[in-house]
């Protein structure tokens, strides 16, 4: 895993420009531009795919209030759809609701029979008010995609802060990203580098985190195997 300085130096070699001795804090205009491009590439990559390295689980102990304090962490970028559950009630929390749907609920025109949520102003709002002490959990994509070389396995930053910082994205992908972005900024032909970048990105995203298997096999009697479907919540057979 290459650090920022090494990535920038490799990109410079490919472009055919002098290598900088430092990036962060450098007064060299070219090094400063490459830092800007490296940050732009990291941000763009974080938005292109739900990378498994950026997926975080958030757990909340519910309070009997509409706003769940601390429900949205500081590194929150976007929620994984369908991942929000009330574990104490064994029920999925529906949402996010639209502003129109939320205001309809607040008007009292309808009463929801199950938990719903909305994110507004970086606050997590729930309706109806959950039971205090309920265990809530969801998964989200962190906006942190890089960190210090001594990181604990999780990204901690949304931008490069030191020459020794490392990214949680593929090194070669970052290098290709800096190359085509640099050439575009200088009015140079960059279509081939851009195509190489997109091809590598598609390949990495396709293999990221593995893929679920689709069982097309048949049962012992030759019939298709169909898993039973059950409703959410607690239930038992008596």
Protein backbone atom coordinates (compact mmCIF):
# COMPACT_ATOMS: atom_id res chain seq x y z
CA UNK A 1 0.00 0.00 0.00
CA UNK A 2 1.74 3.15 -1.24
CA UNK A 3 1.54 6.44 0.64
CA UNK A 4 0.55 9.80 -0.83
CA UNK A 5 4.07 10.87 -1.76
CA UNK A 6 4.79 7.58 -3.49
CA UNK A 7 1.52 7.74 -5.44
CA UNK A 8 2.21 11.28 -6.61
CA UNK A 9 5.78 10.41 -7.57
CA UNK A 10 4.60 7.41 -9.61
CA UNK A 11 2.03 9.60 -11.37
CA UNK A 12 4.77 12.14 -12.17
CA UNK A 13 6.92 9.40 -13.67
CA UNK A 14 4.07 8.35 -15.94
CA UNK A 15 3.26 11.92 -16.96
CA UNK A 16 6.91 12.79 -17.55
CA UNK A 17 7.32 15.60 -15.04
CA UNK A 18 9.82 15.99 -12.16
CA UNK A 19 9.11 14.11 -8.94
CA UNK A 20 8.40 16.29 -5.88
CA UNK A 21 10.24 15.60 -2.63
CA UNK A 22 7.13 16.48 -0.64
CA UNK A 23 3.44 17.04 -1.34
CA UNK A 24 1.73 18.23 1.85
CA UNK A 25 2.96 21.73 2.68
CA UNK A 26 4.85 22.08 -0.59
CA UNK A 27 4.95 25.52 -2.23
CA UNK A 28 5.64 24.00 -5.66
CA UNK A 29 2.58 24.74 -7.87
CA UNK A 30 2.80 21.36 -9.59
CA UNK A 31 2.89 19.43 -6.31
CA UNK A 32 -0.03 21.50 -5.02
CA UNK A 33 -2.03 20.72 -8.15
CA UNK A 34 -1.34 17.00 -7.86
CA UNK A 35 -2.50 17.10 -4.23
CA UNK A 36 -5.73 18.74 -5.33
CA UNK A 37 -6.19 16.09 -8.02
CA UNK A 38 -5.41 13.27 -5.59
CA UNK A 39 -8.07 14.56 -3.19
CA UNK A 40 -10.56 14.98 -6.02
CA UNK A 41 -9.92 11.40 -7.10
CA UNK A 42 -10.39 10.02 -3.59
CA UNK A 43 -13.68 11.86 -3.14
CA UNK A 44 -14.95 10.79 -6.56
CA UNK A 45 -14.07 7.15 -5.90
CA UNK A 46 -15.86 7.18 -2.55
CA UNK A 47 -19.06 8.20 -4.37
CA UNK A 48 -18.79 5.75 -7.28
CA UNK A 49 -19.43 2.51 -5.39
CA UNK A 50 -20.40 1.19 -1.94
CA UNK A 51 -16.86 -0.01 -1.18
CA UNK A 52 -16.74 -2.64 1.58
CA UNK A 53 -13.73 -0.88 3.17
CA UNK A 54 -15.91 2.18 3.78
CA UNK A 55 -18.97 0.37 5.16
CA UNK A 56 -19.54 0.93 8.88
CA UNK A 57 -22.19 -0.40 11.24
CA UNK A 58 -23.83 2.14 13.53
CA UNK A 59 -25.66 0.96 16.66
CA UNK A 60 -27.90 3.19 18.76
CA UNK A 61 -29.61 2.75 22.10
CA UNK A 62 -32.95 4.42 21.46
CA UNK A 63 -34.35 7.24 23.54
CA UNK A 64 -38.07 7.93 23.84
CA UNK A 65 -37.73 11.03 21.67
CA UNK A 66 -38.22 11.86 18.01
CA UNK A 67 -34.58 12.87 17.51
CA UNK A 68 -32.09 10.13 18.26
CA UNK A 69 -29.08 12.05 19.57
CA UNK A 70 -25.85 10.82 17.99
CA UNK A 71 -27.76 8.76 15.46
CA UNK A 72 -25.76 10.22 12.56
CA UNK A 73 -21.97 9.86 13.04
CA UNK A 74 -19.52 12.57 11.95
CA UNK A 75 -18.17 10.47 9.06
CA UNK A 76 -21.64 9.64 7.68
CA UNK A 77 -21.94 9.98 3.91
CA UNK A 78 -24.92 7.84 2.94
CA UNK A 79 -26.95 4.99 4.37
CA UNK A 80 -27.03 1.47 2.95
CA UNK A 81 -30.65 1.11 1.79
CA UNK A 82 -32.75 -1.38 3.73
CA UNK A 83 -30.15 -1.93 6.48
CA UNK A 84 -31.92 -0.08 9.33
CA UNK A 85 -33.44 -2.41 11.92
CA UNK A 86 -34.91 -2.26 15.41
CA UNK A 87 -33.20 -5.34 16.80
CA UNK A 88 -35.20 -5.32 20.02
CA UNK A 89 -38.47 -5.51 18.07
CA UNK A 90 -37.06 -7.65 15.23
CA UNK A 91 -38.48 -5.21 12.71
CA UNK A 92 -37.05 -3.23 9.85
CA UNK A 93 -37.21 0.56 10.19
CA UNK A 94 -38.78 2.01 7.04
CA UNK A 95 -37.32 5.01 5.27
CA UNK A 96 -35.87 7.42 4.71
CA UNK A 97 -39.21 9.18 4.37
CA UNK A 98 -39.64 12.11 2.01
CA UNK A 99 -40.27 15.57 3.49
CA UNK A 100 -43.87 15.34 2.26
CA UNK A 101 -44.47 11.95 3.88
CA UNK A 102 -42.84 13.11 7.12
CA UNK A 103 -45.00 16.22 7.35
CA UNK A 104 -48.08 14.10 6.72
CA UNK A 105 -47.12 12.00 9.73
CA UNK A 106 -46.47 15.08 11.84
CA UNK A 107 -49.89 16.47 10.94
CA UNK A 108 -51.54 13.50 12.59
CA UNK A 109 -53.45 12.67 9.43
CA UNK A 110 -52.09 9.13 9.57
CA UNK A 111 -50.41 7.08 12.28
CA UNK A 112 -47.71 4.66 11.25
CA UNK A 113 -48.02 1.17 12.77
CA UNK A 114 -44.27 0.54 12.41
CA UNK A 115 -40.98 2.42 12.89
CA UNK A 116 -40.02 4.99 10.25
CA UNK A 117 -37.13 7.40 9.98
CA UNK A 118 -35.97 10.54 8.27
CA UNK A 119 -32.56 12.26 8.10
CA UNK A 120 -32.83 16.05 8.30
CA UNK A 121 -30.10 18.54 9.12
CA UNK A 122 -27.74 15.69 10.11
CA UNK A 123 -30.31 14.50 12.66
CA UNK A 124 -31.91 11.06 12.75
CA UNK A 125 -35.65 11.45 13.33
CA UNK A 126 -38.01 8.57 14.09
CA UNK A 127 -41.77 8.17 14.04
CA UNK A 128 -43.45 6.84 16.06
CA UNK A 129 -41.14 7.59 18.98
CA UNK A 130 -39.28 4.35 19.77
CA UNK A 131 -39.23 2.63 23.12
CA UNK A 132 -36.34 3.83 25.28
CA UNK A 133 -33.58 1.25 25.40
CA UNK A 134 -34.42 -0.42 22.09
CA UNK A 135 -31.37 -1.48 20.11
CA UNK A 136 -31.25 0.18 16.68
CA UNK A 137 -28.67 -0.54 13.99
CA UNK A 138 -27.89 0.35 10.38
CA UNK A 139 -24.96 0.30 7.97
CA UNK A 140 -23.63 3.35 6.16
CA UNK A 141 -20.88 4.48 3.82
CA UNK A 142 -18.23 6.55 5.56
CA UNK A 143 -16.88 9.69 3.92
CA UNK A 144 -13.45 8.74 5.29
CA UNK A 145 -11.39 7.02 2.59
CA UNK A 146 -7.79 7.52 3.74
CA UNK A 147 -5.76 7.65 6.94
CA UNK A 148 -2.37 7.66 8.57
CA UNK A 149 0.12 4.89 7.92
CA UNK A 150 -0.46 3.66 11.49
CA UNK A 151 -4.22 3.26 10.98
CA UNK A 152 -6.01 0.44 12.78
CA UNK A 153 -7.61 -0.98 9.64
CA UNK A 154 -10.28 1.68 9.22
CA UNK A 155 -10.07 4.96 7.27
CA UNK A 156 -10.05 8.04 9.48
CA UNK A 157 -9.83 11.00 7.06
CA UNK A 158 -11.77 12.53 4.19
CA UNK A 159 -8.64 14.06 2.61
CA UNK A 160 -4.87 13.62 2.53
CA UNK A 161 -3.19 15.25 5.55
CA UNK A 162 0.36 13.87 5.44
CA UNK A 163 2.79 12.53 2.85
CA UNK A 164 2.76 9.21 4.72
CA UNK A 165 -1.05 8.84 4.58
CA UNK A 166 -2.41 5.81 2.75
CA UNK A 167 -5.65 5.32 0.82
CA UNK A 168 -8.12 2.48 1.13
CA UNK A 169 -8.52 2.43 -2.63
CA UNK A 170 -6.32 0.62 -5.15
CA UNK A 171 -2.93 2.30 -5.64
CA UNK A 172 -2.87 1.91 -9.42
CA UNK A 173 -6.41 3.30 -9.64
CA UNK A 174 -5.31 6.44 -7.81
CA UNK A 175 -2.29 6.83 -10.09
CA UNK A 176 -4.41 6.50 -13.21
CA UNK A 177 -6.89 8.98 -11.73
CA UNK A 178 -4.20 11.59 -11.16
CA UNK A 179 -2.76 11.05 -14.65
CA UNK A 180 -5.97 11.62 -16.60
CA UNK A 181 -7.08 14.47 -14.37
CA UNK A 182 -3.69 16.18 -14.77
CA UNK A 183 -3.74 15.80 -18.55
CA UNK A 184 -7.30 17.11 -18.75
CA UNK A 185 -6.35 20.15 -16.65
CA UNK A 186 -3.52 20.94 -19.09
CA UNK A 187 -5.65 20.54 -22.21
CA UNK A 188 -3.83 17.34 -23.23
CA UNK A 189 -5.32 14.17 -24.74
CA UNK A 190 -6.39 11.89 -21.91
CA UNK A 191 -8.99 9.54 -23.40
CA UNK A 192 -6.75 6.45 -23.24
CA UNK A 193 -5.80 7.05 -19.60
CA UNK A 194 -9.43 7.74 -18.73
CA UNK A 195 -10.52 4.50 -20.41
CA UNK A 196 -7.87 2.54 -18.48
CA UNK A 197 -9.09 4.19 -15.27
CA UNK A 198 -12.74 3.33 -15.89
CA UNK A 199 -11.89 -0.27 -16.86
CA UNK A 200 -9.89 -0.82 -13.68
CA UNK A 201 -12.56 0.88 -11.58
CA UNK A 202 -15.30 -1.34 -13.01
CA UNK A 203 -13.22 -4.48 -12.38
CA UNK A 204 -12.40 -3.55 -8.79
CA UNK A 205 -15.98 -2.56 -7.99
CA UNK A 206 -17.27 -5.79 -9.50
CA UNK A 207 -15.09 -7.91 -7.22
CA UNK A 208 -15.33 -5.71 -4.13
CA UNK A 209 -16.65 -7.59 -1.10
CA UNK A 210 -17.50 -10.69 -3.13
CA UNK A 211 -20.76 -11.52 -4.83
CA UNK A 212 -23.76 -13.47 -3.59
CA UNK A 213 -24.25 -16.90 -5.16
CA UNK A 214 -27.44 -17.64 -7.07
CA UNK A 215 -28.39 -21.28 -6.56
CA UNK A 216 -30.02 -22.59 -9.72
CA UNK A 217 -29.96 -26.19 -8.50
CA UNK A 218 -32.91 -28.48 -7.98
CA UNK A 219 -34.14 -30.28 -4.90
CA UNK A 220 -33.76 -34.02 -4.31
CA UNK A 221 -37.08 -34.66 -6.05
CA UNK A 222 -36.11 -32.62 -9.11
CA UNK A 223 -38.21 -29.62 -8.17
CA UNK A 224 -36.90 -26.08 -7.79
CA UNK A 225 -35.75 -25.22 -4.27
CA UNK A 226 -37.72 -22.25 -2.95
CA UNK A 227 -36.86 -20.72 0.40
CA UNK A 228 -39.86 -20.02 2.63
CA UNK A 229 -40.90 -16.41 3.11
CA UNK A 230 -41.96 -15.15 6.54
CA UNK A 231 -43.09 -11.80 7.84
CA UNK A 232 -40.87 -9.58 9.96
CA UNK A 233 -41.10 -9.68 13.75
CA UNK A 234 -41.43 -12.17 16.58
CA UNK A 235 -43.56 -15.21 15.88
CA UNK A 236 -43.86 -18.82 16.97
CA UNK A 237 -45.80 -21.92 16.05
CA UNK A 238 -48.09 -23.23 18.79
